[in-house]
Amino acid sequence: MNKTKLLVPLPWLTLDMAGILLVMWGGLEYFGWLHWWPETWRYPYYELLLMMVGFFMMVPYQVMLLMAVMRKIQEVKKAQQ
């Protein structure tokens, strides 16, 4: 198996994956396709809160990944000169 080094540390990837799951859960609750949130815990806009928390959990990984890719591009450009 080919071992490829991650550009971003694994905890950030784990946080990103948890954020993705929260966004999906919020979307499913919002459109009423699936209800995992107990009725007694529901409050106004809880679906949107799930999606926003998930989004903000995803952002650090995306930013760090973008910065890592930009560093790689700079390294390639320096090597070409």
PDB file of N, CA and C in Angstrom:
ATOM      1  N   MET A   1       0.841  -1.180   0.000  1.00  0.00           N
ATOM      2  CA  MET A   1       0.000   0.000   0.000  1.00  0.00           C
ATOM      3  C   MET A   1       0.884   1.239   0.000  1.00  0.00           C
ATOM      4  N   ASN A   2       0.512   2.208  -0.777  1.00  0.00           N
ATOM      5  CA  ASN A   2       1.274   3.449  -0.888  1.00  0.00           C
ATOM      6  C   ASN A   2       0.981   4.343   0.309  1.00  0.00           C
ATOM      7  N   LYS A   3       2.023   4.685   1.077  1.00  0.00           N
ATOM      8  CA  LYS A   3       1.848   5.566   2.237  1.00  0.00           C
ATOM      9  C   LYS A   3       2.089   7.000   1.787  1.00  0.00           C
ATOM     10  N   THR A   4       1.051   7.811   1.807  1.00  0.00           N
ATOM     11  CA  THR A   4       1.145   9.206   1.438  1.00  0.00           C
ATOM     12  C   THR A   4       1.019  10.055   2.690  1.00  0.00           C
ATOM     13  N   LYS A   5       1.912  11.030   2.821  1.00  0.00           N
ATOM     14  CA  LYS A   5       1.877  11.897   3.991  1.00  0.00           C
ATOM     15  C   LYS A   5       0.728  12.897   3.857  1.00  0.00           C
ATOM     16  N   LEU A   6      -0.025  13.059   4.952  1.00  0.00           N
ATOM     17  CA  LEU A   6      -1.107  14.042   4.957  1.00  0.00           C
ATOM     18  C   LEU A   6      -0.528  15.452   4.983  1.00  0.00           C
ATOM     19  N   LEU A   7      -1.158  16.374   4.278  1.00  0.00           N
ATOM     20  CA  LEU A   7      -0.703  17.763   4.285  1.00  0.00           C
ATOM     21  C   LEU A   7      -1.097  18.481   5.566  1.00  0.00           C
ATOM     22  N   VAL A   8      -2.123  17.970   6.231  1.00  0.00           N
ATOM     23  CA  VAL A   8      -2.645  18.587   7.461  1.00  0.00           C
ATOM     24  C   VAL A   8      -2.686  17.494   8.528  1.00  0.00           C
ATOM     25  N   PRO A   9      -2.352  17.820   9.785  1.00  0.00           N
ATOM     26  CA  PRO A   9      -2.377  16.790  10.847  1.00  0.00           C
ATOM     27  C   PRO A   9      -3.743  16.114  10.990  1.00  0.00           C
ATOM     28  N   LEU A  10      -3.705  14.870  11.411  1.00  0.00           N
ATOM     29  CA  LEU A  10      -4.905  14.038  11.524  1.00  0.00           C
ATOM     30  C   LEU A  10      -5.995  14.613  12.435  1.00  0.00           C
ATOM     31  N   PRO A  11      -5.667  15.256  13.572  1.00  0.00           N
ATOM     32  CA  PRO A  11      -6.767  15.807  14.389  1.00  0.00           C
ATOM     33  C   PRO A  11      -7.615  16.833  13.644  1.00  0.00           C
ATOM     34  N   TRP A  12      -7.004  17.606  12.770  1.00  0.00           N
ATOM     35  CA  TRP A  12      -7.774  18.581  11.991  1.00  0.00           C
ATOM     36  C   TRP A  12      -8.679  17.877  10.987  1.00  0.00           C
ATOM     37  N   LEU A  13      -8.195  16.779  10.414  1.00  0.00           N
ATOM     38  CA  LEU A  13      -9.018  16.001   9.494  1.00  0.00           C
ATOM     39  C   LEU A  13     -10.197  15.380  10.231  1.00  0.00           C
ATOM     40  N   THR A  14      -9.963  14.890  11.444  1.00  0.00           N
ATOM     41  CA  THR A  14     -11.034  14.311  12.258  1.00  0.00           C
ATOM     42  C   THR A  14     -12.087  15.365  12.590  1.00  0.00           C
ATOM     43  N   LEU A  15     -11.637  16.565  12.947  1.00  0.00           N
ATOM     44  CA  LEU A  15     -12.560  17.664  13.228  1.00  0.00           C
ATOM     45  C   LEU A  15     -13.378  18.014  11.983  1.00  0.00           C
ATOM     46  N   ASP A  16     -12.731  17.993  10.831  1.00  0.00           N
ATOM     47  CA  ASP A  16     -13.422  18.270   9.570  1.00  0.00           C
ATOM     48  C   ASP A  16     -14.490  17.218   9.294  1.00  0.00           C
ATOM     49  N   MET A  17     -14.160  15.968   9.519  1.00  0.00           N
ATOM     50  CA  MET A  17     -15.131  14.896   9.276  1.00  0.00           C
ATOM     51  C   MET A  17     -16.325  15.005  10.224  1.00  0.00           C
ATOM     52  N   ALA A  18     -16.061  15.355  11.489  1.00  0.00           N
ATOM     53  CA  ALA A  18     -17.168  15.550  12.434  1.00  0.00           C
ATOM     54  C   ALA A  18     -18.037  16.723  12.001  1.00  0.00           C
ATOM     55  N   GLY A  19     -17.413  17.774  11.492  1.00  0.00           N
ATOM     56  CA  GLY A  19     -18.170  18.924  10.988  1.00  0.00           C
ATOM     57  C   GLY A  19     -19.051  18.553   9.807  1.00  0.00           C
ATOM     58  N   ILE A  20     -18.514  17.736   8.916  1.00  0.00           N
ATOM     59  CA  ILE A  20     -19.300  17.282   7.761  1.00  0.00           C
ATOM     60  C   ILE A  20     -20.535  16.513   8.241  1.00  0.00           C
ATOM     61  N   LEU A  21     -20.341  15.641   9.232  1.00  0.00           N
ATOM     62  CA  LEU A  21     -21.482  14.878   9.756  1.00  0.00           C
ATOM     63  C   LEU A  21     -22.531  15.789  10.393  1.00  0.00           C
ATOM     64  N   LEU A  22     -22.077  16.832  11.110  1.00  0.00           N
ATOM     65  CA  LEU A  22     -23.034  17.763  11.706  1.00  0.00           C
ATOM     66  C   LEU A  22     -23.811  18.535  10.636  1.00  0.00           C
ATOM     67  N   VAL A  23     -23.130  18.946   9.579  1.00  0.00           N
ATOM     68  CA  VAL A  23     -23.820  19.654   8.485  1.00  0.00           C
ATOM     69  C   VAL A  23     -24.853  18.736   7.843  1.00  0.00           C
ATOM     70  N   MET A  24     -24.478  17.484   7.607  1.00  0.00           N
ATOM     71  CA  MET A  24     -25.433  16.542   7.017  1.00  0.00           C
ATOM     72  C   MET A  24     -26.618  16.311   7.949  1.00  0.00           C
ATOM     73  N   TRP A  25     -26.339  16.142   9.245  1.00  0.00           N
ATOM     74  CA  TRP A  25     -27.405  15.932  10.230  1.00  0.00           C
ATOM     75  C   TRP A  25     -28.340  17.131  10.269  1.00  0.00           C
ATOM     76  N   GLY A  26     -27.783  18.331  10.281  1.00  0.00           N
ATOM     77  CA  GLY A  26     -28.609  19.537  10.271  1.00  0.00           C
ATOM     78  C   GLY A  26     -29.478  19.633   9.024  1.00  0.00           C
ATOM     79  N   GLY A  27     -28.909  19.270   7.885  1.00  0.00           N
ATOM     80  CA  GLY A  27     -29.678  19.290   6.641  1.00  0.00           C
ATOM     81  C   GLY A  27     -30.812  18.288   6.655  1.00  0.00           C
ATOM     82  N   LEU A  28     -30.538  17.089   7.144  1.00  0.00           N
ATOM     83  CA  LEU A  28     -31.592  16.074   7.216  1.00  0.00           C
ATOM     84  C   LEU A  28     -32.704  16.498   8.163  1.00  0.00           C
ATOM     85  N   GLU A  29     -32.336  17.110   9.294  1.00  0.00           N
ATOM     86  CA  GLU A  29     -33.346  17.603  10.241  1.00  0.00           C
ATOM     87  C   GLU A  29     -34.130  18.769   9.633  1.00  0.00           C
ATOM     88  N   TYR A  30     -33.424  19.659   8.948  1.00  0.00           N
ATOM     89  CA  TYR A  30     -34.060  20.854   8.393  1.00  0.00           C
ATOM     90  C   TYR A  30     -35.137  20.502   7.365  1.00  0.00           C
ATOM     91  N   PHE A  31     -34.812  19.563   6.477  1.00  0.00           N
ATOM     92  CA  PHE A  31     -35.778  19.194   5.441  1.00  0.00           C
ATOM     93  C   PHE A  31     -36.782  18.154   5.918  1.00  0.00           C
ATOM     94  N   GLY A  32     -36.615  17.662   7.147  1.00  0.00           N
ATOM     95  CA  GLY A  32     -37.592  16.745   7.712  1.00  0.00           C
ATOM     96  C   GLY A  32     -37.490  15.323   7.208  1.00  0.00           C
ATOM     97  N   TRP A  33     -36.357  14.952   6.610  1.00  0.00           N
ATOM     98  CA  TRP A  33     -36.199  13.601   6.091  1.00  0.00           C
ATOM     99  C   TRP A  33     -35.874  12.608   7.189  1.00  0.00           C
ATOM    100  N   LEU A  34     -35.259  13.100   8.267  1.00  0.00           N
ATOM    101  CA  LEU A  34     -34.856  12.222   9.348  1.00  0.00           C
ATOM    102  C   LEU A  34     -34.808  13.048  10.621  1.00  0.00           C
ATOM    103  N   HIS A  35     -35.308  12.499  11.711  1.00  0.00           N
ATOM    104  CA  HIS A  35     -35.297  13.229  12.982  1.00  0.00           C
ATOM    105  C   HIS A  35     -34.585  12.403  14.037  1.00  0.00           C
ATOM    106  N   TRP A  36     -33.327  12.772  14.322  1.00  0.00           N
ATOM    107  CA  TRP A  36     -32.555  12.123  15.368  1.00  0.00           C
ATOM    108  C   TRP A  36     -32.551  12.954  16.638  1.00  0.00           C
ATOM    109  N   TRP A  37     -32.903  14.222  16.529  1.00  0.00           N
ATOM    110  CA  TRP A  37     -32.894  15.131  17.672  1.00  0.00           C
ATOM    111  C   TRP A  37     -34.195  14.906  18.444  1.00  0.00           C
ATOM    112  N   PRO A  38     -34.119  14.586  19.732  1.00  0.00           N
ATOM    113  CA  PRO A  38     -35.354  14.322  20.496  1.00  0.00           C
ATOM    114  C   PRO A  38     -36.302  15.531  20.493  1.00  0.00           C
ATOM    115  N   GLU A  39     -37.571  15.252  20.459  1.00  0.00           N
ATOM    116  CA  GLU A  39     -38.593  16.314  20.386  1.00  0.00           C
ATOM    117  C   GLU A  39     -38.481  17.294  21.551  1.00  0.00           C
ATOM    118  N   THR A  40     -38.164  16.806  22.734  1.00  0.00           N
ATOM    119  CA  THR A  40     -38.105  17.677  23.915  1.00  0.00           C
ATOM    120  C   THR A  40     -36.907  18.628  23.872  1.00  0.00           C
ATOM    121  N   TRP A  41     -35.886  18.320  23.095  1.00  0.00           N
ATOM    122  CA  TRP A  41     -34.690  19.168  23.017  1.00  0.00           C
ATOM    123  C   TRP A  41     -34.782  20.192  21.886  1.00  0.00           C
ATOM    124  N   ARG A  42     -35.809  20.110  21.085  1.00  0.00           N
ATOM    125  CA  ARG A  42     -35.905  20.999  19.921  1.00  0.00           C
ATOM    126  C   ARG A  42     -36.187  22.425  20.341  1.00  0.00           C
ATOM    127  N   TYR A  43     -35.550  23.350  19.688  1.00  0.00           N
ATOM    128  CA  TYR A  43     -35.735  24.784  19.924  1.00  0.00           C
ATOM    129  C   TYR A  43     -35.653  25.471  18.569  1.00  0.00           C
ATOM    130  N   PRO A  44     -36.057  26.727  18.476  1.00  0.00           N
ATOM    131  CA  PRO A  44     -36.055  27.398  17.174  1.00  0.00           C
ATOM    132  C   PRO A  44     -34.665  27.406  16.539  1.00  0.00           C
ATOM    133  N   TYR A  45     -34.626  27.063  15.289  1.00  0.00           N
ATOM    134  CA  TYR A  45     -33.414  27.110  14.464  1.00  0.00           C
ATOM    135  C   TYR A  45     -32.324  26.135  14.903  1.00  0.00           C
ATOM    136  N   TYR A  46     -32.662  25.059  15.582  1.00  0.00           N
ATOM    137  CA  TYR A  46     -31.633  24.106  16.000  1.00  0.00           C
ATOM    138  C   TYR A  46     -30.979  23.438  14.791  1.00  0.00           C
ATOM    139  N   GLU A  47     -31.731  23.270  13.706  1.00  0.00           N
ATOM    140  CA  GLU A  47     -31.158  22.657  12.505  1.00  0.00           C
ATOM    141  C   GLU A  47     -30.062  23.545  11.932  1.00  0.00           C
ATOM    142  N   LEU A  48     -30.339  24.842  11.873  1.00  0.00           N
ATOM    143  CA  LEU A  48     -29.346  25.774  11.354  1.00  0.00           C
ATOM    144  C   LEU A  48     -28.136  25.859  12.276  1.00  0.00           C
ATOM    145  N   LEU A  49     -28.369  25.747  13.573  1.00  0.00           N
ATOM    146  CA  LEU A  49     -27.254  25.746  14.518  1.00  0.00           C
ATOM    147  C   LEU A  49     -26.362  24.531  14.290  1.00  0.00           C
ATOM    148  N   LEU A  50     -26.958  23.363  14.066  1.00  0.00           N
ATOM    149  CA  LEU A  50     -26.165  22.172  13.764  1.00  0.00           C
ATOM    150  C   LEU A  50     -25.306  22.390  12.522  1.00  0.00           C
ATOM    151  N   MET A  51     -25.904  22.975  11.489  1.00  0.00           N
ATOM    152  CA  MET A  51     -25.160  23.194  10.251  1.00  0.00           C
ATOM    153  C   MET A  51     -24.056  24.235  10.425  1.00  0.00           C
ATOM    154  N   MET A  52     -24.322  25.305  11.180  1.00  0.00           N
ATOM    155  CA  MET A  52     -23.312  26.348  11.372  1.00  0.00           C
ATOM    156  C   MET A  52     -22.153  25.845  12.236  1.00  0.00           C
ATOM    157  N   VAL A  53     -22.445  25.095  13.290  1.00  0.00           N
ATOM    158  CA  VAL A  53     -21.373  24.527  14.122  1.00  0.00           C
ATOM    159  C   VAL A  53     -20.526  23.573  13.281  1.00  0.00           C
ATOM    160  N   GLY A  54     -21.183  22.754  12.475  1.00  0.00           N
ATOM    161  CA  GLY A  54     -20.454  21.848  11.582  1.00  0.00           C
ATOM    162  C   GLY A  54     -19.591  22.598  10.595  1.00  0.00           C
ATOM    163  N   PHE A  55     -20.127  23.686  10.035  1.00  0.00           N
ATOM    164  CA  PHE A  55     -19.352  24.490   9.091  1.00  0.00           C
ATOM    165  C   PHE A  55     -18.110  25.065   9.762  1.00  0.00           C
ATOM    166  N   PHE A  56     -18.274  25.614  10.960  1.00  0.00           N
ATOM    167  CA  PHE A  56     -17.126  26.204  11.642  1.00  0.00           C
ATOM    168  C   PHE A  56     -16.123  25.151  12.114  1.00  0.00           C
ATOM    169  N   MET A  57     -16.572  23.920  12.288  1.00  0.00           N
ATOM    170  CA  MET A  57     -15.634  22.842  12.596  1.00  0.00           C
ATOM    171  C   MET A  57     -14.834  22.451  11.357  1.00  0.00           C
ATOM    172  N   MET A  58     -15.405  22.650  10.178  1.00  0.00           N
ATOM    173  CA  MET A  58     -14.737  22.285   8.937  1.00  0.00           C
ATOM    174  C   MET A  58     -13.710  23.334   8.487  1.00  0.00           C
ATOM    175  N   VAL A  59     -13.926  24.581   8.825  1.00  0.00           N
ATOM    176  CA  VAL A  59     -13.111  25.679   8.301  1.00  0.00           C
ATOM    177  C   VAL A  59     -11.614  25.554   8.622  1.00  0.00           C
ATOM    178  N   PRO A  60     -11.194  25.228   9.858  1.00  0.00           N
ATOM    179  CA  PRO A  60      -9.745  25.184  10.117  1.00  0.00           C
ATOM    180  C   PRO A  60      -8.997  24.200   9.218  1.00  0.00           C
ATOM    181  N   TYR A  61      -9.575  23.036   8.985  1.00  0.00           N
ATOM    182  CA  TYR A  61      -8.923  22.063   8.109  1.00  0.00           C
ATOM    183  C   TYR A  61      -8.800  22.610   6.696  1.00  0.00           C
ATOM    184  N   GLN A  62      -9.877  23.213   6.208  1.00  0.00           N
ATOM    185  CA  GLN A  62      -9.850  23.731   4.846  1.00  0.00           C
ATOM    186  C   GLN A  62      -8.800  24.826   4.688  1.00  0.00           C
ATOM    187  N   VAL A  63      -8.696  25.705   5.675  1.00  0.00           N
ATOM    188  CA  VAL A  63      -7.707  26.786   5.615  1.00  0.00           C
ATOM    189  C   VAL A  63      -6.294  26.222   5.683  1.00  0.00           C
ATOM    190  N   MET A  64      -6.059  25.278   6.602  1.00  0.00           N
ATOM    191  CA  MET A  64      -4.728  24.687   6.720  1.00  0.00           C
ATOM    192  C   MET A  64      -4.351  23.907   5.465  1.00  0.00           C
ATOM    193  N   LEU A  65      -5.313  23.241   4.857  1.00  0.00           N
ATOM    194  CA  LEU A  65      -5.055  22.520   3.614  1.00  0.00           C
ATOM    195  C   LEU A  65      -4.701  23.492   2.501  1.00  0.00           C
ATOM    196  N   LEU A  66      -5.424  24.581   2.403  1.00  0.00           N
ATOM    197  CA  LEU A  66      -5.131  25.596   1.388  1.00  0.00           C
ATOM    198  C   LEU A  66      -3.732  26.168   1.587  1.00  0.00           C
ATOM    199  N   MET A  67      -3.358  26.450   2.839  1.00  0.00           N
ATOM    200  CA  MET A  67      -2.028  26.986   3.108  1.00  0.00           C
ATOM    201  C   MET A  67      -0.936  25.972   2.762  1.00  0.00           C
ATOM    202  N   ALA A  68      -1.168  24.696   3.048  1.00  0.00           N
ATOM    203  CA  ALA A  68      -0.188  23.654   2.720  1.00  0.00           C
ATOM    204  C   ALA A  68      -0.010  23.525   1.217  1.00  0.00           C
ATOM    205  N   VAL A  69      -1.108  23.596   0.483  1.00  0.00           N
ATOM    206  CA  VAL A  69      -1.028  23.513  -0.982  1.00  0.00           C
ATOM    207  C   VAL A  69      -0.294  24.730  -1.539  1.00  0.00           C
ATOM    208  N   MET A  70      -0.563  25.896  -0.993  1.00  0.00           N
ATOM    209  CA  MET A  70       0.136  27.101  -1.458  1.00  0.00           C
ATOM    210  C   MET A  70       1.641  27.002  -1.181  1.00  0.00           C
ATOM    211  N   ARG A  71       2.020  26.427  -0.028  1.00  0.00           N
ATOM    212  CA  ARG A  71       3.445  26.219   0.268  1.00  0.00           C
ATOM    213  C   ARG A  71       4.077  25.277  -0.745  1.00  0.00           C
ATOM    214  N   LYS A  72       3.366  24.204  -1.093  1.00  0.00           N
ATOM    215  CA  LYS A  72       3.880  23.252  -2.085  1.00  0.00           C
ATOM    216  C   LYS A  72       4.070  23.934  -3.441  1.00  0.00           C
ATOM    217  N   ILE A  73       3.121  24.773  -3.821  1.00  0.00           N
ATOM    218  CA  ILE A  73       3.227  25.485  -5.092  1.00  0.00           C
ATOM    219  C   ILE A  73       4.450  26.393  -5.079  1.00  0.00           C
ATOM    220  N   GLN A  74       4.682  27.089  -3.954  1.00  0.00           N
ATOM    221  CA  GLN A  74       5.853  27.958  -3.848  1.00  0.00           C
ATOM    222  C   GLN A  74       7.145  27.153  -3.947  1.00  0.00           C
ATOM    223  N   GLU A  75       7.179  25.978  -3.332  1.00  0.00           N
ATOM    224  CA  GLU A  75       8.363  25.125  -3.408  1.00  0.00           C
ATOM    225  C   GLU A  75       8.633  24.693  -4.841  1.00  0.00           C
ATOM    226  N   VAL A  76       7.587  24.328  -5.565  1.00  0.00           N
ATOM    227  CA  VAL A  76       7.748  23.908  -6.953  1.00  0.00           C
ATOM    228  C   VAL A  76       8.242  25.077  -7.796  1.00  0.00           C
ATOM    229  N   LYS A  77       7.693  26.256  -7.583  1.00  0.00           N
ATOM    230  CA  LYS A  77       8.127  27.439  -8.338  1.00  0.00           C
ATOM    231  C   LYS A  77       9.590  27.766  -8.059  1.00  0.00           C
ATOM    232  N   LYS A  78      10.026  27.641  -6.808  1.00  0.00           N
ATOM    233  CA  LYS A  78      11.428  27.900  -6.471  1.00  0.00           C
ATOM    234  C   LYS A  78      12.343  26.879  -7.117  1.00  0.00           C
ATOM    235  N   ALA A  79      11.896  25.631  -7.154  1.00  0.00           N
ATOM    236  CA  ALA A  79      12.699  24.566  -7.745  1.00  0.00           C
ATOM    237  C   ALA A  79      12.842  24.758  -9.255  1.00  0.00           C
ATOM    238  N   GLN A  80      11.837  25.349  -9.873  1.00  0.00           N
ATOM    239  CA  GLN A  80      11.865  25.551 -11.326  1.00  0.00           C
ATOM    240  C   GLN A  80      12.772  26.720 -11.729  1.00  0.00           C
ATOM    241  N   GLN A  81      13.032  27.642 -10.818  1.00  0.00           N
ATOM    242  CA  GLN A  81      13.849  28.810 -11.160  1.00  0.00           C
ATOM    243  C   GLN A  81      15.314  28.513 -11.127  1.00  0.00           C
TER     244      GLN A  81
END
